[in-house]
Amino acid sequence: MAEEVSQERPAEVSPDLAYELQSKLLDQLATVSVAGAGLAITLIGSLLQGAPGSVWISVIFFGLAALTAVGGNVRLIDGIFHRKAVLRRSRLDVQVAMAMIGAAAGFLSMEIYSQSSRSPERAQAAQQATAPASGDASRPRP
């Protein structure tokens, strides 16, 4: 491991690499955010159909994370073209987007948990519907 570190040549790395990697990270955060919003909407239409309106908080946070990531990428590119220091602001955009994705995932998880604890008979029926058939299917399962 020490040999690998000593063989690194940071002086040979392009100074533009940090900007390129930051831009790719913001692109990926935007993609994850849009996918998370799609997942949340799909779950709201199926598993969370009877959930209260607070379930939409996760969609809002995923959407805000996507907007933050896309906006951060636009600011990064604009700053590079105008030769301004933008990495510090870009890092803040990444952190804010990641925090919002985490909050959205947490809200969505809590709604799924709350919904399953509100209706145990519904959860049991769903579990029975997905369980493999064994023996007499007309007999109720314990």
Foldseek 3Di string as FASTA:
>chain_A
DVVVVVPDDPVPDDPCVLLVVLLVLLVVLLVVLVVQLVVLVVCCVPVVVVFDPLSCLLNVLSVVLNVLSVVLNVVSVVCVVVVHDRSVVSVVSSVSSVVSNVVSVVSNVVSSVVSCVVDVVVVVVVVLVPDDDDDDNPDDDD
